[in-house]
C-alpha cells in the first residue's frame, strides 16, 4: 500500500462533507457494514467502505472516501466539459469474495482503490472517464487482470454519480473496471468506447478469473 506525504498540507474532508458523502453512499449504493480504515496518512485519508450483497445487488460494492478531499487540476481544454475535479472511486465484487481476507489474491481490489486514490497526487495528474492505468503485471497470481479503466457508475439509481456538498461544490464517482494487458492495449490503440463494444458481455462485477477478451474473433 502506498502512503506518505505527497502534499505540503493534508487534504481532508470537513465533518459536514463526510456526513454528506456517507449519506450519499448509503442512499445510492447501500449501507456499509465494514470500513477498511487507513490509520496513518500525511496527505489524504483514504478509507474503503464495503457494502455487502443485498436484495437489489447480489454483489459487494467497494467505495473510497477521502480521495475527493483533494481537488485535481483539470487541464484548461477540458474545464468547459464540467468534469469533476473531486472524485471518489468504486468497484463491485462477486458475492463469494471474502472481504476479511488478507491474502493478496483477494485483497488487491482494496489496495488498488487506495493506490488510484493517490495517483493524481503522486503523478501530478487527473483522472476521469476512460482513463486507464497499467500495473505491468497481474494484480495477483489467480488473475489475468493487470490494469484498469475508469467508467461511469454502473447499475445504480439516477443521481448516484454526483454528491452535492453544502457549499455548492460536488464530488463525482467513477467505476473502476480491471482489465487484462490485452484489453488495455486494445483500449490504448483504439478507444474506450471501441473496447467496450467488444466487451459488452463482461460484467461490471469483477470476477478475478474471467477470460481475456478475444478481439480478433469479432
Protein backbone atom coordinates (compact mmCIF):
# COMPACT_ATOMS: atom_id res chain seq x y z
CA UNK A 1 0.00 0.00 0.00
CA UNK A 2 1.31 3.42 -0.96
CA UNK A 3 1.16 6.04 1.76
CA UNK A 4 3.28 9.03 2.56
CA UNK A 5 3.40 12.78 2.34
CA UNK A 6 2.80 13.92 -1.21
CA UNK A 7 1.14 17.23 -0.29
CA UNK A 8 2.54 20.12 1.69
CA UNK A 9 -0.68 20.24 3.70
CA UNK A 10 -3.16 17.39 4.23
CA UNK A 11 -6.35 17.44 2.13
CA UNK A 12 -9.21 16.26 4.33
CA UNK A 13 -12.99 16.42 4.21
CA UNK A 14 -14.77 18.56 6.78
CA UNK A 15 -17.14 16.73 9.18
CA UNK A 16 -20.13 18.10 7.22
CA UNK A 17 -18.67 16.90 3.91
CA UNK A 18 -18.00 13.46 5.35
CA UNK A 19 -21.56 13.21 6.62
CA UNK A 20 -22.99 14.19 3.25
CA UNK A 21 -20.72 11.73 1.47
CA UNK A 22 -21.61 8.88 3.84
CA UNK A 23 -25.32 9.64 3.41
CA UNK A 24 -24.94 9.69 -0.37
CA UNK A 25 -23.14 6.34 -0.43
CA UNK A 26 -25.77 4.70 1.79
CA UNK A 27 -28.66 6.16 -0.24
CA UNK A 28 -27.38 5.13 -3.67
CA UNK A 29 -25.11 2.12 -3.08
CA UNK A 30 -26.18 0.61 0.23
CA UNK A 31 -25.18 0.56 3.88
CA UNK A 32 -21.56 -0.32 4.60
CA UNK A 33 -21.03 -2.99 7.21
CA UNK A 34 -17.24 -2.80 7.09
CA UNK A 35 -14.85 0.11 6.59
CA UNK A 36 -11.19 -0.58 5.86
CA UNK A 37 -9.61 2.34 7.64
CA UNK A 38 -6.32 3.99 6.83
CA UNK A 39 -4.77 4.65 10.21
CA UNK A 40 -1.84 6.82 9.17
CA UNK A 41 -1.52 9.30 6.33
CA UNK A 42 0.09 12.67 5.78
CA UNK A 43 -1.71 13.77 2.62
CA UNK A 44 -5.22 12.38 2.13
CA UNK A 45 -7.04 9.90 4.33
CA UNK A 46 -8.48 7.07 2.23
CA UNK A 47 -10.97 4.67 3.75
CA UNK A 48 -12.74 1.97 1.75
CA UNK A 49 -16.37 1.26 2.64
CA UNK A 50 -17.54 -2.29 1.91
CA UNK A 51 -21.24 -2.70 1.19
CA UNK A 52 -22.28 -6.38 1.28
CA UNK A 53 -24.62 -8.05 -1.23
CA UNK A 54 -28.26 -7.14 -0.66
CA UNK A 55 -31.66 -7.59 -2.24
CA UNK A 56 -31.11 -5.11 -5.07
CA UNK A 57 -27.48 -6.02 -5.77
CA UNK A 58 -26.12 -9.52 -5.28
CA UNK A 59 -22.52 -8.32 -5.10
CA UNK A 60 -20.16 -6.37 -2.88
CA UNK A 61 -19.67 -2.67 -3.57
CA UNK A 62 -16.43 -1.00 -2.52
CA UNK A 63 -16.36 2.81 -2.34
CA UNK A 64 -13.48 5.10 -1.40
CA UNK A 65 -13.89 8.01 0.97
CA UNK A 66 -11.13 10.60 1.09
CA UNK A 67 -9.85 10.89 -2.46
CA UNK A 68 -12.26 13.73 -3.20
CA UNK A 69 -10.87 15.90 -0.42
CA UNK A 70 -8.11 16.68 -2.92
CA UNK A 71 -9.09 18.79 -5.92
CA UNK A 72 -7.37 17.62 -9.09
CA UNK A 73 -6.21 20.19 -11.62
CA UNK A 74 -8.28 19.62 -14.75
CA UNK A 75 -6.48 20.81 -17.93
CA UNK A 76 -7.95 24.01 -19.35
CA UNK A 77 -9.11 22.31 -22.56
CA UNK A 78 -11.40 20.03 -20.51
CA UNK A 79 -12.70 22.51 -17.95
CA UNK A 80 -15.69 23.55 -20.07
CA UNK A 81 -16.83 19.91 -20.14
CA UNK A 82 -17.82 20.15 -16.49
CA UNK A 83 -15.62 17.27 -15.41
CA UNK A 84 -15.37 16.76 -11.64
CA UNK A 85 -12.11 17.85 -10.05
CA UNK A 86 -13.02 15.95 -6.89
CA UNK A 87 -13.85 12.27 -7.24
CA UNK A 88 -14.30 9.01 -5.38
CA UNK A 89 -13.97 5.53 -6.84
CA UNK A 90 -15.97 2.33 -6.60
CA UNK A 91 -15.62 -1.30 -7.59
CA UNK A 92 -18.04 -4.24 -7.49
CA UNK A 93 -17.02 -7.77 -6.48
CA UNK A 94 -18.92 -11.09 -6.58
CA UNK A 95 -20.83 -12.40 -3.55
CA UNK A 96 -18.27 -15.17 -2.94
CA UNK A 97 -15.47 -12.63 -2.39
CA UNK A 98 -14.03 -12.65 1.13
CA UNK A 99 -13.81 -9.06 2.45
CA UNK A 100 -11.91 -10.21 5.54
CA UNK A 101 -9.06 -11.85 3.60
CA UNK A 102 -5.52 -10.53 3.99
CA UNK A 103 -4.23 -12.68 1.13
CA UNK A 104 -3.01 -10.87 -1.99
CA UNK A 105 -5.31 -13.00 -4.17
CA UNK A 106 -8.32 -11.35 -2.52
CA UNK A 107 -7.27 -8.01 -1.07
CA UNK A 108 -5.75 -6.42 -4.19
CA UNK A 109 -9.01 -4.59 -5.09
CA UNK A 110 -8.83 -2.61 -1.84
CA UNK A 111 -5.15 -1.84 -2.37
CA UNK A 112 -5.85 -0.85 -5.98
CA UNK A 113 -8.53 1.62 -4.93
CA UNK A 114 -6.17 3.19 -2.40
CA UNK A 115 -3.40 3.42 -4.99
CA UNK A 116 -5.72 5.05 -7.52
CA UNK A 117 -6.93 7.49 -4.86
CA UNK A 118 -3.39 8.84 -4.56
CA UNK A 119 -2.47 8.52 -8.23
CA UNK A 120 -3.41 12.11 -9.18
CA UNK A 121 -1.32 13.45 -6.30
CA UNK A 122 1.71 11.23 -6.87
CA UNK A 123 1.76 11.76 -10.64
CA UNK A 124 0.57 15.41 -10.63
CA UNK A 125 -2.26 14.50 -12.98
CA UNK A 126 -6.00 13.91 -13.02
CA UNK A 127 -8.38 11.00 -13.57
CA UNK A 128 -11.64 10.91 -15.48
CA UNK A 129 -13.83 8.79 -17.71
CA UNK A 130 -11.85 6.48 -19.98
CA UNK A 131 -8.53 6.96 -18.22
CA UNK A 132 -6.59 3.73 -17.82
CA UNK A 133 -3.72 2.77 -15.53
CA UNK A 134 -1.42 -0.14 -16.26
CA UNK A 135 0.01 -2.27 -13.49
CA UNK A 136 2.63 -4.02 -15.61
CA UNK A 137 1.88 -7.46 -14.16
CA UNK A 138 -1.32 -9.16 -12.99
CA UNK A 139 -2.60 -7.94 -9.63
CA UNK A 140 -2.33 -11.47 -8.20
CA UNK A 141 -1.40 -14.97 -9.32
CA UNK A 142 -5.05 -16.02 -9.68
CA UNK A 143 -5.99 -13.43 -12.31
CA UNK A 144 -5.06 -12.04 -15.72
CA UNK A 145 -6.25 -8.58 -14.69
CA UNK A 146 -3.30 -6.20 -14.86
CA UNK A 147 -4.67 -2.68 -15.15
CA UNK A 148 -7.92 -0.79 -15.10
CA UNK A 149 -10.12 1.79 -16.77
CA UNK A 150 -12.47 4.35 -15.20
CA UNK A 151 -16.08 4.33 -16.38
CA UNK A 152 -19.32 5.91 -15.28
CA UNK A 153 -21.16 4.44 -12.30
CA UNK A 154 -22.82 1.15 -13.26
CA UNK A 155 -26.14 -0.36 -12.10
CA UNK A 156 -27.09 2.48 -9.76
CA UNK A 157 -30.05 4.88 -9.47
CA UNK A 158 -30.03 8.23 -11.25
CA UNK A 159 -28.09 10.74 -9.19
CA UNK A 160 -25.58 8.23 -7.83
CA UNK A 161 -22.68 9.69 -9.80
CA UNK A 162 -22.74 13.09 -8.09
CA UNK A 163 -22.67 14.01 -4.39
CA UNK A 164 -23.55 17.66 -3.83
CA UNK A 165 -21.95 19.39 -0.87
CA UNK A 166 -23.34 22.21 1.25
CA UNK A 167 -21.11 24.88 -0.32
CA UNK A 168 -22.42 24.12 -3.80
CA UNK A 169 -19.41 22.06 -4.88
CA UNK A 170 -19.70 18.39 -5.75
CA UNK A 171 -17.86 15.10 -5.76
CA UNK A 172 -18.14 12.75 -8.73
CA UNK A 173 -17.99 8.94 -8.68
CA UNK A 174 -16.31 6.64 -11.20
CA UNK A 175 -16.45 2.87 -11.54
CA UNK A 176 -13.11 1.03 -11.68
CA UNK A 177 -13.11 -1.85 -14.17
CA UNK A 178 -9.95 -4.02 -14.10
CA UNK A 179 -8.64 -5.15 -17.50
CA UNK A 180 -6.16 -7.62 -18.90
CA UNK A 181 -2.97 -6.45 -20.64
CA UNK A 182 -4.52 -7.35 -23.99
CA UNK A 183 -7.65 -5.30 -23.25
CA UNK A 184 -5.57 -2.35 -22.10
CA UNK A 185 -3.50 -2.41 -25.27
CA UNK A 186 -6.64 -2.51 -27.41
CA UNK A 187 -8.11 0.42 -25.49
CA UNK A 188 -4.89 2.45 -25.88
CA UNK A 189 -4.60 1.72 -29.61
CA UNK A 190 -8.29 2.37 -30.33
CA UNK A 191 -10.57 3.98 -27.75
CA UNK A 192 -12.52 3.23 -24.62
CA UNK A 193 -15.81 3.09 -26.49
CA UNK A 194 -14.44 0.71 -29.16
CA UNK A 195 -13.05 -1.55 -26.46
CA UNK A 196 -16.40 -1.60 -24.67
CA UNK A 197 -18.21 -2.64 -27.84
CA UNK A 198 -16.20 -5.88 -27.80
CA UNK A 199 -16.62 -6.31 -24.03
CA UNK A 200 -20.39 -5.97 -23.84
CA UNK A 201 -20.64 -9.42 -22.25
CA UNK A 202 -18.16 -8.53 -19.47
CA UNK A 203 -20.00 -7.69 -16.26
CA UNK A 204 -19.20 -4.63 -14.14
CA UNK A 205 -18.83 -7.06 -11.24
CA UNK A 206 -15.15 -8.02 -11.15
CA UNK A 207 -14.64 -11.76 -11.49
CA UNK A 208 -10.94 -12.38 -10.90
CA UNK A 209 -10.72 -15.39 -13.19
CA UNK A 210 -12.73 -14.12 -16.14
CA UNK A 211 -11.14 -14.91 -19.52
CA UNK A 212 -9.33 -12.40 -21.68
CA UNK A 213 -11.30 -10.72 -24.47
CA UNK A 214 -10.55 -12.11 -27.92
CA UNK A 215 -10.86 -9.03 -30.11
CA UNK A 216 -9.92 -10.95 -33.27
CA UNK A 217 -12.99 -13.14 -33.01
CA UNK A 218 -15.33 -10.19 -33.59
